[in-house]
Amino acid sequence: NSDQVTRQNRIQQLEYNYSVCAKKRMQLLQEAVCALELCQASLILRIKSWRWEQHRATIGVQFDDNLGPLQTWCEQLLGVNSNLRQELMLVKRDHGVVEQFHTLQESLAHVLQTLIKNSLVVDKQPPQVIKTQSKFSTTVRYLLGEKMAPGKPVLLKAQIITEAQARQGVVPNENVGELINSTAILEHNTASKNTCATFRNMSIRKIKRADRKGSESVTEEKFALLFTTELTITGCESPYSIQAISLPVVVIVHGSQEINAMATIIWDCAFSEPDRVPFIVPERVPWKQMCEALSSKFMSEVQTQRCLDRYNFHFLAQKIFDQPDITEDFSNMPVSWAQFNKEVLPGRTFTFWQWFEGVMDLTKKCLRDYWSEGLIFGFIGKQHLHVILQNKPNGTFLLRFSDSEIGGITIAYVGPSDNGGRKIQNIQPFTKKDLDSAGLGDRIRDINCITHVYPDLPKNEVFKKFFTVPSPPNPDGYLPFKLTTVTSKIYLQVLIKKP
């Protein structure tokens, strides 16, 4: 009897130990799943940050496009998920369906689905302004490409969607545009370990516009490319439907619409919030936020390290707010989309953005080195100009962007007035066409009435590196010619009263 009791106690002890072991295994599994969820949440936040930084790169914000670390992170989390699912099945084999089994099984399935769906990213965005009939390309990358189940190739499909369709978050039935070359295969590169679908020679043949409200222009209408596919991951039974959406794009039909379309993209990129409802942007933003965007875009577009300074910003504020006499701080004054690129500037035929874009284009193509070396004052109003030049000797000059003409740079200088005093004069602006025929350095050299660049630097020393060397005689007997700039036409003058 005592042996039987001992054996019975032993069995009960083993059963108890077995039960404790099962609970302990489930407890450890539960802790591991919680840790996986936290780690994966951090990964998905990082993927969203990568997408956000990619978006901000449109206005020149620094962006590291390397997806390698994120791909490694995705693959490691997929491996952990697979191990935990296997461990859960071993618990079921050893202990049956214990408490929390189904909860953990569902949690792991949900975490897996979330990982698989968030691993499709648009690596190389399409142009954000797309002209119909024009070819473009884009690349979509799958961060779990090495873990896809072998079999038939995975085909990725692209379609163009409206802002309203983007908000719905599902693949729309209605087709709003005809997209050419809209499929690509996800291909794995064993050398780089990347799995990408590259859409080459895409084009939009036609586009269906939404009904516009009020004064809304076609260049304010935002679309996007939606990429969809169905794939199976090794170790998973069912295929997953996944999708990714591009940054917003504006579709135009004529090159003349490009600058206004780019304004829509700049506003969207600079002032949208992370995790917004597609593609909502504020109607107004503080001027200081606009300053950051303008300076960043200018530096990026011109490819210069010299940013806009507080004097530049003050002039730009006076211009966009039409308050040339105000000297106060504009930082928190709200600036609207209409002021940026819908309403023309007072007394002009163009908007603020059209004028600013013209300055950027001229600087990028003709004046980068002059700007980078601080030789162009650039953005300065006539009142500020008068203040800093009024006590300077004759021949003192500075370079400023034309206030009245898109894409022009003018020379403002101090010269003698008819009554024996001095006056500030502005030479007719030089455009890209002018500077292509004779560079700014040569034009400054040729104008005899200007001698010292503000504040007091001799022009022949400062601009010498930009002077071109006269051409030697041609061996064919033709004499070389040289364009010379003369100041026979005064563009604007401001009298300085004699003391």
Protein backbone atom coordinates (compact mmCIF):
# COMPACT_ATOMS: atom_id res chain seq x y z
CA ASN A 1 0.00 0.00 0.00
CA SER A 2 2.76 2.41 0.90
CA ASP A 3 4.41 1.75 -2.50
CA GLN A 4 1.12 2.43 -4.23
CA VAL A 5 0.66 5.68 -2.31
CA THR A 6 4.23 6.70 -3.09
CA ARG A 7 3.69 5.92 -6.78
CA GLN A 8 0.43 7.88 -6.77
CA ASN A 9 2.11 10.85 -5.12
CA ARG A 10 4.92 10.60 -7.64
CA ILE A 11 2.44 10.64 -10.53
CA GLN A 12 0.63 13.64 -9.05
CA GLN A 13 3.94 15.43 -8.58
CA LEU A 14 4.91 14.74 -12.20
CA GLU A 15 1.52 15.90 -13.44
CA TYR A 16 1.85 19.05 -11.36
CA ASN A 17 5.39 19.65 -12.65
CA TYR A 18 4.13 19.04 -16.19
CA SER A 19 1.34 21.57 -15.68
CA VAL A 20 3.76 24.10 -14.20
CA CYS A 21 6.10 23.51 -17.15
CA ALA A 22 3.26 24.11 -19.62
CA LYS A 23 2.28 27.33 -17.86
CA LYS A 24 5.91 28.46 -17.72
CA ARG A 25 6.39 27.76 -21.42
CA MET A 26 3.24 29.73 -22.24
CA GLN A 27 4.33 32.56 -19.95
CA LEU A 28 7.72 32.75 -21.67
CA LEU A 29 6.01 32.60 -25.06
CA GLN A 30 3.65 35.38 -24.03
CA GLU A 31 6.58 37.56 -22.95
CA ALA A 32 8.41 36.80 -26.20
CA VAL A 33 5.35 37.73 -28.30
CA CYS A 34 4.99 41.02 -26.37
CA ALA A 35 8.67 41.79 -26.99
CA LEU A 36 8.21 40.97 -30.70
CA GLU A 37 5.19 43.29 -30.92
CA LEU A 38 7.15 46.15 -29.33
CA CYS A 39 10.16 45.60 -31.56
CA GLN A 40 8.01 45.40 -34.68
CA ALA A 41 6.13 48.56 -33.70
CA SER A 42 9.53 50.33 -33.58
CA LEU A 43 10.39 48.93 -37.02
CA ILE A 44 7.13 50.12 -38.57
CA LEU A 45 7.65 53.57 -37.06
CA ARG A 46 11.10 53.61 -38.64
CA ILE A 47 9.68 52.59 -42.04
CA LYS A 48 7.13 55.40 -41.75
CA SER A 49 9.95 57.81 -40.82
CA TRP A 50 11.90 56.67 -43.89
CA ARG A 51 8.87 57.39 -46.08
CA TRP A 52 8.41 60.78 -44.40
CA GLU A 53 12.07 61.70 -44.92
CA GLN A 54 11.77 60.61 -48.54
CA HIS A 55 8.77 62.94 -48.89
CA ARG A 56 10.64 65.87 -47.30
CA ALA A 57 13.59 65.33 -49.66
CA THR A 58 11.50 67.08 -52.33
CA ILE A 59 12.35 70.41 -50.68
CA GLY A 60 15.97 69.45 -50.13
CA VAL A 61 15.85 67.98 -46.61
CA GLN A 62 18.72 65.49 -46.11
CA PHE A 63 17.60 61.91 -46.74
CA ASP A 64 19.45 58.61 -46.34
CA ASP A 65 17.77 56.32 -48.87
CA ASN A 66 19.61 53.17 -47.73
CA LEU A 67 16.97 50.51 -47.00
CA GLY A 68 19.51 47.80 -46.13
CA PRO A 69 19.23 48.09 -42.32
CA LEU A 70 15.42 48.10 -42.49
CA GLN A 71 15.46 45.02 -44.71
CA THR A 72 17.70 43.18 -42.22
CA TRP A 73 15.38 44.20 -39.39
CA CYS A 74 12.32 42.92 -41.31
CA GLU A 75 14.00 39.58 -42.06
CA GLN A 76 15.09 39.10 -38.45
CA LEU A 77 11.59 39.81 -37.11
CA LEU A 78 10.10 37.40 -39.63
CA GLY A 79 12.55 34.74 -38.37
CA VAL A 80 11.60 35.40 -34.74
CA ASN A 81 7.91 35.19 -35.63
CA SER A 82 8.47 31.86 -37.38
CA ASN A 83 10.37 30.45 -34.37
CA LEU A 84 7.64 31.53 -31.95
CA ARG A 85 4.92 29.97 -34.11
CA GLN A 86 6.89 26.71 -34.15
CA GLU A 87 7.37 26.85 -30.39
CA LEU A 88 3.64 27.42 -29.92
CA MET A 89 2.87 24.30 -31.98
CA LEU A 90 5.35 22.31 -29.86
CA VAL A 91 3.49 23.44 -26.74
CA LYS A 92 0.27 22.22 -28.35
CA ARG A 93 1.89 18.87 -29.18
CA ASP A 94 3.26 18.41 -25.67
CA HIS A 95 0.45 19.88 -23.59
CA GLY A 96 -2.60 20.14 -25.83
CA VAL A 97 -4.52 23.39 -26.34
CA VAL A 98 -3.67 25.19 -23.13
CA GLU A 99 -4.97 28.52 -21.88
CA GLN A 100 -3.88 31.53 -24.00
CA PHE A 101 -2.98 29.26 -26.95
CA HIS A 102 -5.50 30.76 -29.38
CA THR A 103 -4.78 34.30 -28.17
CA LEU A 104 -1.05 33.91 -28.85
CA GLN A 105 -1.72 32.20 -32.16
CA GLU A 106 -3.91 35.12 -33.28
CA SER A 107 -1.38 37.68 -32.01
CA LEU A 108 1.45 36.07 -33.98
CA ALA A 109 -0.72 35.85 -37.10
CA HIS A 110 -1.65 39.54 -36.80
CA VAL A 111 1.97 40.60 -36.21
CA LEU A 112 3.05 38.53 -39.22
CA GLN A 113 0.39 40.04 -41.47
CA THR A 114 1.33 43.57 -40.36
CA LEU A 115 5.01 42.92 -41.10
CA ILE A 116 4.34 41.43 -44.53
CA LYS A 117 2.06 44.31 -45.54
CA ASN A 118 4.39 47.07 -44.32
CA SER A 119 7.45 45.69 -46.10
CA LEU A 120 6.48 46.98 -49.55
CA VAL A 121 7.99 50.44 -50.14
CA VAL A 122 8.35 52.78 -53.11
CA ASP A 123 12.14 52.92 -53.30
CA LYS A 124 12.44 55.34 -56.24
CA GLN A 125 9.43 57.62 -56.47
CA PRO A 126 7.90 58.60 -59.81
CA PRO A 127 8.31 62.27 -60.78
CA GLN A 128 5.88 64.31 -58.71
CA VAL A 129 4.90 66.33 -61.75
CA ILE A 130 4.03 64.03 -64.65
CA LYS A 131 3.19 65.24 -68.14
CA THR A 132 0.82 63.00 -70.09
CA GLN A 133 2.50 61.02 -72.88
CA SER A 134 5.93 61.55 -71.24
CA LYS A 135 7.90 58.49 -70.14
CA PHE A 136 8.99 58.01 -66.55
CA SER A 137 10.11 55.21 -64.24
CA THR A 138 9.68 54.14 -60.63
CA THR A 139 10.95 51.30 -58.44
CA VAL A 140 9.12 49.38 -55.73
CA ARG A 141 11.09 47.24 -53.28
CA TYR A 142 9.96 44.36 -51.10
CA LEU A 143 11.97 44.13 -47.89
CA LEU A 144 11.06 40.45 -47.34
CA GLY A 145 11.94 39.47 -50.90
CA GLU A 146 14.43 36.79 -49.84
CA LYS A 147 11.68 35.11 -47.82
CA MET A 148 9.14 34.84 -50.64
CA ALA A 149 8.04 31.30 -51.46
CA PRO A 150 9.61 29.97 -54.68
CA GLY A 151 7.30 29.47 -57.63
CA LYS A 152 5.88 31.59 -60.39
CA PRO A 153 7.11 35.21 -60.61
CA VAL A 154 5.31 37.81 -58.50
CA LEU A 155 3.73 40.48 -60.69
CA LEU A 156 3.27 43.99 -59.33
CA LYS A 157 0.52 46.15 -60.86
CA ALA A 158 0.35 49.94 -60.86
CA GLN A 159 -2.66 52.18 -61.32
CA ILE A 160 -3.27 55.88 -60.93
CA ILE A 161 -5.72 56.92 -58.22
CA THR A 162 -7.32 60.17 -57.10
CA GLU A 163 -6.94 61.81 -53.71
CA ALA A 164 -10.43 60.59 -52.76
CA GLN A 165 -9.54 57.01 -53.73
CA ALA A 166 -6.28 57.22 -51.75
CA ARG A 167 -8.30 58.09 -48.65
CA GLN A 168 -10.42 54.94 -48.98
CA GLY A 169 -7.35 52.74 -48.53
CA VAL A 170 -8.65 49.94 -50.76
CA VAL A 171 -7.97 49.05 -54.38
CA PRO A 172 -10.55 51.10 -56.32
CA ASN A 173 -12.77 49.63 -59.00
CA GLU A 174 -12.98 52.84 -61.03
CA ASN A 175 -10.02 53.59 -63.28
CA VAL A 176 -9.28 57.33 -63.50
CA GLY A 177 -6.33 57.17 -65.86
CA GLU A 178 -4.79 55.02 -68.55
CA LEU A 179 -1.31 53.96 -67.45
CA ILE A 180 1.05 52.45 -70.03
CA ASN A 181 3.59 49.75 -68.98
CA SER A 182 1.84 49.38 -65.65
CA THR A 183 3.15 45.94 -64.60
CA ALA A 184 6.57 44.75 -63.45
CA ILE A 185 7.95 41.55 -61.93
CA LEU A 186 9.51 41.49 -58.46
CA GLU A 187 13.06 40.37 -59.25
CA HIS A 188 15.66 39.31 -56.70
CA ASN A 189 19.24 40.47 -57.14
CA THR A 190 21.49 37.96 -55.39
CA ALA A 191 24.47 40.34 -55.35
CA SER A 192 22.69 43.27 -53.67
CA LYS A 193 20.08 41.06 -51.94
CA ASN A 194 17.40 43.50 -53.10
CA THR A 195 14.03 42.42 -54.43
CA CYS A 196 12.60 45.14 -56.66
CA ALA A 197 10.05 45.73 -59.38
CA THR A 198 11.22 48.47 -61.74
CA PHE A 199 8.56 50.06 -63.92
CA ARG A 200 10.32 51.38 -67.01
CA ASN A 201 8.91 53.60 -69.74
CA MET A 202 5.68 54.22 -67.88
CA SER A 203 3.42 56.97 -69.16
CA ILE A 204 -0.05 58.34 -68.54
CA ARG A 205 -1.98 58.28 -71.79
CA LYS A 206 -5.02 60.07 -70.44
CA ILE A 207 -6.43 61.22 -67.12
CA LYS A 208 -9.95 61.74 -65.82
CA ARG A 209 -10.26 64.94 -63.80
CA ALA A 210 -12.48 65.35 -60.76
CA ASP A 211 -15.07 68.11 -60.59
CA ARG A 212 -13.21 71.19 -59.39
CA LYS A 213 -14.44 73.55 -56.71
CA GLY A 214 -14.47 77.31 -57.20
CA SER A 215 -11.16 78.64 -58.50
CA GLU A 216 -9.28 75.35 -58.11
CA SER A 217 -6.89 74.70 -60.98
CA VAL A 218 -5.93 71.39 -62.60
CA THR A 219 -2.42 71.95 -61.24
CA GLU A 220 -3.82 71.75 -57.68
CA GLU A 221 -5.35 68.30 -58.21
CA LYS A 222 -3.32 65.51 -56.61
CA PHE A 223 -3.15 61.89 -57.73
CA ALA A 224 -0.92 58.96 -56.71
CA LEU A 225 0.29 55.64 -58.07
CA LEU A 226 -1.03 52.59 -56.23
CA PHE A 227 1.06 49.40 -56.44
CA THR A 228 -0.58 46.06 -55.61
CA THR A 229 0.39 42.40 -55.66
CA GLU A 230 -0.30 39.03 -54.07
CA LEU A 231 2.54 36.91 -52.71
CA THR A 232 3.29 34.00 -50.41
CA ILE A 233 5.99 33.93 -47.74
CA THR A 234 7.93 30.72 -47.09
CA GLY A 235 6.38 28.93 -44.12
CA CYS A 236 2.98 30.59 -44.56
CA GLU A 237 0.07 28.74 -46.08
CA SER A 238 -2.04 31.55 -47.53
CA PRO A 239 -1.00 34.32 -49.94
CA TYR A 240 -1.13 37.94 -48.79
CA SER A 241 -2.52 40.89 -50.77
CA ILE A 242 -0.22 43.87 -50.22
CA GLN A 243 -0.05 47.42 -51.56
CA ALA A 244 2.00 50.60 -51.46
CA ILE A 245 1.17 54.13 -52.51
CA SER A 246 3.48 56.72 -54.05
CA LEU A 247 3.90 60.30 -52.95
CA PRO A 248 1.25 62.61 -54.44
CA VAL A 249 1.73 63.54 -58.08
CA VAL A 250 0.23 66.29 -60.22
CA VAL A 251 -0.64 65.36 -63.80
CA ILE A 252 -0.23 68.05 -66.46
CA VAL A 253 -0.82 68.09 -70.20
CA HIS A 254 1.46 71.00 -71.14
CA GLY A 255 4.91 72.17 -70.06
CA SER A 256 3.52 75.62 -69.22
CA GLN A 257 1.68 74.05 -66.26
CA GLU A 258 4.84 72.65 -64.66
CA ILE A 259 5.77 75.58 -62.40
CA ASN A 260 2.26 75.83 -60.92
CA ALA A 261 2.13 72.04 -60.49
CA MET A 262 5.46 72.15 -58.67
CA ALA A 263 4.04 74.77 -56.31
CA THR A 264 1.34 72.26 -55.30
CA ILE A 265 4.01 69.62 -54.65
CA ILE A 266 6.25 72.01 -52.68
CA TRP A 267 3.35 73.08 -50.44
CA ASP A 268 2.36 69.43 -49.92
CA CYS A 269 5.90 68.34 -49.11
CA ALA A 270 6.78 71.26 -46.84
CA PHE A 271 3.60 71.57 -44.79
CA SER A 272 1.82 68.21 -44.64
CA GLU A 273 1.82 66.27 -41.37
CA PRO A 274 3.08 62.69 -40.90
CA ASP A 275 0.27 60.10 -40.93
CA ARG A 276 -2.15 62.58 -42.48
CA VAL A 277 -5.30 61.61 -44.32
CA PRO A 278 -4.23 61.65 -48.02
CA PHE A 279 -3.40 64.33 -49.14
CA ILE A 280 -4.60 66.96 -46.69
CA VAL A 281 -2.50 70.10 -46.23
CA PRO A 282 -3.11 73.27 -44.19
CA GLU A 283 -4.51 76.30 -45.99
CA ARG A 284 -2.18 78.61 -44.01
CA VAL A 285 1.21 78.19 -42.32
CA PRO A 286 3.40 80.49 -40.17
CA TRP A 287 5.84 82.55 -42.23
CA LYS A 288 8.85 81.08 -40.36
CA GLN A 289 7.83 77.63 -41.63
CA MET A 290 7.67 79.01 -45.15
CA CYS A 291 11.17 80.49 -44.69
CA GLU A 292 12.60 77.08 -43.81
CA ALA A 293 10.99 75.53 -46.88
CA LEU A 294 12.14 78.29 -49.26
CA SER A 295 15.73 78.22 -48.00
CA SER A 296 15.93 74.42 -48.09
CA LYS A 297 14.48 74.26 -51.61
CA PHE A 298 16.72 77.07 -52.84
CA MET A 299 19.88 75.39 -51.51
CA SER A 300 18.86 72.02 -52.92
CA GLU A 301 17.85 73.34 -56.35
CA VAL A 302 20.88 75.61 -56.78
CA GLN A 303 23.23 73.03 -55.20
CA THR A 304 24.80 75.52 -52.81
CA GLN A 305 25.73 75.57 -49.13
CA ARG A 306 24.75 79.24 -48.77
CA CYS A 307 21.28 79.56 -47.27
CA LEU A 308 18.91 82.52 -47.31
CA ASP A 309 19.53 84.96 -44.45
CA ARG A 310 17.24 87.13 -42.33
CA TYR A 311 17.54 90.08 -44.73
CA ASN A 312 16.45 87.85 -47.61
CA PHE A 313 13.52 86.53 -45.57
CA HIS A 314 12.43 90.02 -44.58
CA PHE A 315 12.34 91.15 -48.20
CA LEU A 316 10.46 88.00 -49.25
CA ALA A 317 7.93 88.62 -46.47
CA GLN A 318 7.44 92.22 -47.58
CA LYS A 319 6.86 90.91 -51.09
CA ILE A 320 4.41 88.09 -50.34
CA PHE A 321 2.43 90.15 -47.78
CA ASP A 322 2.60 93.33 -49.91
CA GLN A 323 3.89 95.36 -46.96
CA PRO A 324 7.08 97.08 -48.19
CA ASP A 325 7.06 99.66 -45.37
CA ILE A 326 6.78 97.22 -42.47
CA THR A 327 9.96 96.57 -40.47
CA GLU A 328 8.47 94.29 -37.79
CA ASP A 329 9.09 90.57 -37.36
CA PHE A 330 6.95 88.50 -39.75
CA SER A 331 7.80 85.10 -38.19
CA ASN A 332 4.36 84.16 -36.89
CA MET A 333 2.30 85.90 -39.54
CA PRO A 334 0.22 83.29 -41.41
CA VAL A 335 0.84 82.95 -45.14
CA SER A 336 -1.80 81.26 -47.28
CA TRP A 337 -1.67 78.96 -50.29
CA ALA A 338 -3.41 81.72 -52.25
CA GLN A 339 -0.63 84.20 -51.40
CA PHE A 340 1.96 81.58 -52.36
CA ASN A 341 0.68 80.64 -55.80
CA LYS A 342 -2.88 81.70 -56.63
CA GLU A 343 -2.99 85.47 -56.34
CA VAL A 344 -0.69 87.52 -58.57
CA LEU A 345 1.63 89.95 -56.81
CA PRO A 346 0.37 93.57 -56.76
CA GLY A 347 1.16 95.32 -60.03
CA ARG A 348 2.56 92.11 -61.56
CA THR A 349 1.31 89.35 -63.83
CA PHE A 350 2.86 86.51 -61.82
CA THR A 351 2.55 84.86 -58.40
CA PHE A 352 5.11 84.81 -55.59
CA TRP A 353 6.14 81.20 -56.36
CA GLN A 354 6.45 81.85 -60.11
CA TRP A 355 8.80 84.75 -59.33
CA PHE A 356 10.81 82.80 -56.71
CA GLU A 357 11.12 79.76 -58.98
CA GLY A 358 12.45 82.03 -61.74
CA VAL A 359 15.15 83.30 -59.37
CA MET A 360 16.11 79.72 -58.42
CA ASP A 361 16.29 78.64 -62.05
CA LEU A 362 18.47 81.61 -63.05
CA THR A 363 20.81 81.08 -60.07
CA LYS A 364 21.10 77.34 -60.73
CA LYS A 365 21.91 77.77 -64.42
CA CYS A 366 23.99 80.96 -64.48
CA LEU A 367 24.89 82.27 -61.03
CA ARG A 368 25.65 79.37 -58.67
CA ASP A 369 29.28 80.30 -57.98
CA TYR A 370 28.50 84.01 -57.60
CA TRP A 371 25.77 83.19 -55.06
CA SER A 372 27.84 80.59 -53.18
CA GLU A 373 30.72 83.04 -52.74
CA GLY A 374 28.41 85.72 -51.35
CA LEU A 375 28.81 88.08 -54.31
CA ILE A 376 25.06 88.35 -54.91
CA PHE A 377 23.03 90.20 -52.30
CA GLY A 378 19.99 88.79 -54.07
CA PHE A 379 16.74 89.36 -52.24
CA ILE A 380 16.63 93.02 -51.25
CA GLY A 381 13.93 95.67 -51.53
CA LYS A 382 14.46 99.16 -52.92
CA GLN A 383 14.08 100.79 -49.49
CA HIS A 384 16.73 98.58 -47.87
CA LEU A 385 18.88 99.12 -50.96
CA HIS A 386 18.62 102.89 -50.50
CA VAL A 387 19.57 102.62 -46.81
CA ILE A 388 22.76 100.64 -47.36
CA LEU A 389 23.96 102.46 -50.49
CA GLN A 390 23.02 106.09 -49.74
CA ASN A 391 26.29 106.93 -47.99
CA LYS A 392 28.53 104.94 -50.31
CA PRO A 393 30.81 106.60 -52.89
CA ASN A 394 30.02 106.66 -56.61
CA GLY A 395 30.73 103.35 -58.32
CA THR A 396 29.60 101.19 -55.36
CA PHE A 397 27.21 98.48 -56.55
CA LEU A 398 25.47 95.29 -55.52
CA LEU A 399 23.70 92.48 -57.35
CA ARG A 400 20.02 91.93 -56.66
CA PHE A 401 17.31 89.79 -58.19
CA SER A 402 14.86 91.74 -60.30
CA ASP A 403 11.67 92.61 -58.45
CA SER A 404 9.58 93.17 -61.56
CA GLU A 405 10.80 90.47 -63.94
CA ILE A 406 10.86 86.68 -63.61
CA GLY A 407 14.38 85.26 -63.71
CA GLY A 408 16.37 88.47 -63.88
CA ILE A 409 19.35 89.89 -61.99
CA THR A 410 20.13 93.59 -61.92
CA ILE A 411 23.04 95.78 -60.85
CA ALA A 412 22.12 98.57 -58.43
CA TYR A 413 24.84 101.21 -58.15
CA VAL A 414 25.60 104.70 -56.88
CA GLY A 415 26.22 107.24 -59.62
CA PRO A 416 26.34 111.04 -60.03
CA SER A 417 23.06 112.92 -60.38
CA ASP A 418 22.43 115.90 -62.63
CA ASN A 419 22.47 118.34 -59.69
CA GLY A 420 25.92 117.30 -58.52
CA GLY A 421 24.69 114.85 -55.91
CA ARG A 422 24.41 111.09 -56.10
CA LYS A 423 21.64 108.73 -57.14
CA ILE A 424 21.01 104.99 -56.99
CA GLN A 425 20.41 103.46 -60.38
CA ASN A 426 19.39 99.97 -61.47
CA ILE A 427 20.63 98.59 -64.76
CA GLN A 428 18.08 96.70 -66.82
CA PRO A 429 17.95 93.08 -65.55
CA PHE A 430 19.99 90.36 -67.20
CA THR A 431 18.08 87.15 -67.97
CA LYS A 432 19.40 83.67 -68.66
CA LYS A 433 19.40 84.49 -72.37
CA ASP A 434 21.56 87.56 -71.72
CA LEU A 435 23.98 85.68 -69.47
CA ASP A 436 24.30 82.82 -71.96
CA SER A 437 25.65 85.29 -74.53
CA ALA A 438 27.98 87.06 -72.07
CA GLY A 439 28.54 85.98 -68.47
CA LEU A 440 27.84 88.18 -65.46
CA GLY A 441 31.56 88.58 -64.72
CA ASP A 442 32.30 89.97 -68.18
CA ARG A 443 29.32 92.31 -67.98
CA ILE A 444 30.51 93.67 -64.63
CA ARG A 445 34.02 94.14 -66.06
CA ASP A 446 32.68 96.07 -69.08
CA ILE A 447 30.53 98.56 -67.14
CA ASN A 448 32.88 101.42 -66.30
CA CYS A 449 30.56 103.28 -63.92
CA ILE A 450 30.75 100.48 -61.31
CA THR A 451 34.02 99.96 -59.45
CA HIS A 452 33.46 98.44 -55.99
CA VAL A 453 31.01 95.74 -54.96
CA TYR A 454 29.22 96.44 -51.66
CA PRO A 455 30.53 97.15 -49.09
CA ASP A 456 33.85 98.30 -50.65
CA LEU A 457 35.58 95.48 -52.55
CA PRO A 458 37.31 96.31 -55.87
CA LYS A 459 35.37 94.56 -58.62
CA ASN A 460 38.45 93.60 -60.64
CA GLU A 461 39.80 91.64 -57.69
CA VAL A 462 36.56 90.02 -56.57
CA PHE A 463 35.21 89.08 -60.01
CA LYS A 464 38.54 88.46 -61.78
CA LYS A 465 38.10 84.68 -61.72
CA PHE A 466 34.83 85.09 -63.67
CA PHE A 467 36.34 87.20 -66.48
CA THR A 468 36.82 85.31 -69.74
CA VAL A 469 40.13 85.48 -71.55
CA PRO A 470 39.96 87.15 -75.01
CA SER A 471 39.94 84.63 -77.84
CA PRO A 472 43.16 84.32 -79.90
CA PRO A 473 42.97 85.12 -83.63
CA ASN A 474 41.36 82.34 -85.63
CA PRO A 475 43.71 80.39 -87.92
CA ASP A 476 41.13 80.73 -90.70
CA GLY A 477 41.68 84.48 -90.81
CA TYR A 478 38.43 85.58 -89.13
CA LEU A 479 38.72 88.25 -86.46
CA PRO A 480 37.29 87.30 -83.04
CA PHE A 481 34.47 89.42 -81.63
CA LYS A 482 33.45 90.29 -78.09
CA LEU A 483 30.09 91.36 -76.68
CA THR A 484 30.42 94.42 -74.48
CA THR A 485 27.84 95.64 -71.97
CA VAL A 486 27.11 99.36 -71.93
CA THR A 487 24.76 101.26 -69.63
CA SER A 488 22.90 103.32 -72.16
CA LYS A 489 19.54 102.34 -70.70
CA ILE A 490 18.71 103.18 -67.10
CA TYR A 491 16.10 100.88 -65.65
CA LEU A 492 15.33 102.69 -62.37
CA GLN A 493 16.86 105.47 -60.38
CA VAL A 494 16.43 106.79 -56.85
CA LEU A 495 17.84 110.22 -56.09
CA ILE A 496 20.03 110.70 -53.03
CA LYS A 497 19.71 114.19 -51.61
CA LYS A 498 22.91 116.17 -51.21
CA PRO A 499 23.81 116.70 -47.57
